[in-house]
């Protein structure tokens, strides 16, 4: 008998997410110097996150936009947030 090492117990929390439109996410990516002409694909998917300890969940799947560039997939929110944080750090220096 084969058994998996993962025990997935679904937790059905009703949480609502709203994603930007494709046009809006492309505009945000361009604003952080990611050229739309270099994006090979753009899709909605789920990002695996570690939830807060007090939530009692092991993992959390969060919907997000992903873009493919140079054959690799990247989370659009990570790219936008990283560039924004860098800009904020420069302002406070």
Protein backbone atom coordinates (compact mmCIF):
# COMPACT_ATOMS: atom_id res chain seq x y z
CA UNK A 1 0.00 0.00 0.00
CA UNK A 2 1.35 3.42 -1.01
CA UNK A 3 0.72 6.36 1.26
CA UNK A 4 1.51 9.96 0.65
CA UNK A 5 3.60 11.93 3.09
CA UNK A 6 1.11 14.77 2.91
CA UNK A 7 -2.15 14.83 4.77
CA UNK A 8 -4.37 17.40 3.06
CA UNK A 9 -7.29 18.42 5.21
CA UNK A 10 -9.25 21.09 3.40
CA UNK A 11 -10.30 24.10 5.40
CA UNK A 12 -13.20 25.82 3.75
CA UNK A 13 -12.86 29.43 4.64
CA UNK A 14 -14.88 31.69 2.42
CA UNK A 15 -12.56 34.45 1.41
CA UNK A 16 -13.05 36.70 -1.58
CA UNK A 17 -10.25 37.91 -3.82
CA UNK A 18 -10.37 40.51 -6.56
CA UNK A 19 -7.65 40.50 -9.19
CA UNK A 20 -6.70 43.35 -11.49
CA UNK A 21 -7.81 43.10 -15.11
CA UNK A 22 -5.24 41.88 -17.63
CA UNK A 23 -4.87 45.43 -18.95
CA UNK A 24 -4.27 46.79 -15.43
CA UNK A 25 -1.69 44.15 -14.56
CA UNK A 26 0.21 44.82 -17.80
CA UNK A 27 0.21 48.55 -16.96
CA UNK A 28 1.58 47.80 -13.48
CA UNK A 29 4.27 45.51 -14.90
CA UNK A 30 5.31 48.20 -17.40
CA UNK A 31 5.47 50.72 -14.53
CA UNK A 32 8.16 48.58 -12.87
CA UNK A 33 10.18 48.26 -16.12
CA UNK A 34 8.91 44.87 -17.28
CA UNK A 35 8.42 45.20 -21.02
CA UNK A 36 5.11 43.84 -22.32
CA UNK A 37 6.89 42.80 -25.54
CA UNK A 38 9.12 40.43 -23.52
CA UNK A 39 6.20 38.75 -21.76
CA UNK A 40 5.57 35.41 -23.44
CA UNK A 41 2.34 34.59 -21.60
CA UNK A 42 0.10 35.99 -18.88
CA UNK A 43 -2.28 33.81 -16.85
CA UNK A 44 -4.16 33.61 -13.58
CA UNK A 45 -3.01 30.87 -11.23
CA UNK A 46 -2.56 30.14 -7.54
CA UNK A 47 0.43 31.02 -5.39
CA UNK A 48 1.30 28.78 -2.46
CA UNK A 49 1.78 30.88 0.69
CA UNK A 50 2.59 30.12 4.31
CA UNK A 51 -0.29 31.50 6.36
CA UNK A 52 0.01 33.25 9.69
CA UNK A 53 0.67 30.87 12.58
CA UNK A 54 -2.57 31.76 14.35
CA UNK A 55 -4.70 30.70 11.36
CA UNK A 56 -4.12 27.00 12.01
CA UNK A 57 -3.65 26.33 8.28
CA UNK A 58 -0.58 24.63 6.87
CA UNK A 59 -0.66 26.31 3.47
CA UNK A 60 -2.78 28.83 1.63
CA UNK A 61 -3.48 29.09 -2.10
CA UNK A 62 -3.90 32.69 -3.21
CA UNK A 63 -5.05 33.64 -6.73
CA UNK A 64 -2.56 35.80 -8.58
CA UNK A 65 -1.47 36.89 -12.05
CA UNK A 66 1.63 35.14 -13.41
CA UNK A 67 3.71 36.17 -16.39
CA UNK A 68 6.18 34.10 -18.40
CA UNK A 69 9.43 35.78 -19.38
CA UNK A 70 12.54 34.05 -20.77
CA UNK A 71 10.81 30.67 -20.31
CA UNK A 72 10.20 31.16 -16.56
CA UNK A 73 7.01 31.99 -14.67
CA UNK A 74 6.92 34.88 -12.19
CA UNK A 75 4.21 36.15 -9.87
CA UNK A 76 3.18 39.61 -11.06
CA UNK A 77 2.47 40.81 -7.52
CA UNK A 78 6.00 39.84 -6.41
CA UNK A 79 7.54 41.87 -9.24
CA UNK A 80 5.34 44.91 -8.60
CA UNK A 81 5.74 44.78 -4.79
CA UNK A 82 9.53 44.26 -4.93
CA UNK A 83 10.01 47.28 -7.16
CA UNK A 84 7.68 49.38 -5.00
CA UNK A 85 9.56 48.41 -1.81
CA UNK A 86 12.90 49.30 -3.43
CA UNK A 87 11.50 52.73 -4.34
CA UNK A 88 10.23 53.26 -0.79
CA UNK A 89 13.62 52.31 0.66
CA UNK A 90 15.34 54.86 -1.58
CA UNK A 91 12.89 57.60 -0.53
CA UNK A 92 13.57 56.96 3.17
CA UNK A 93 17.39 56.94 2.73
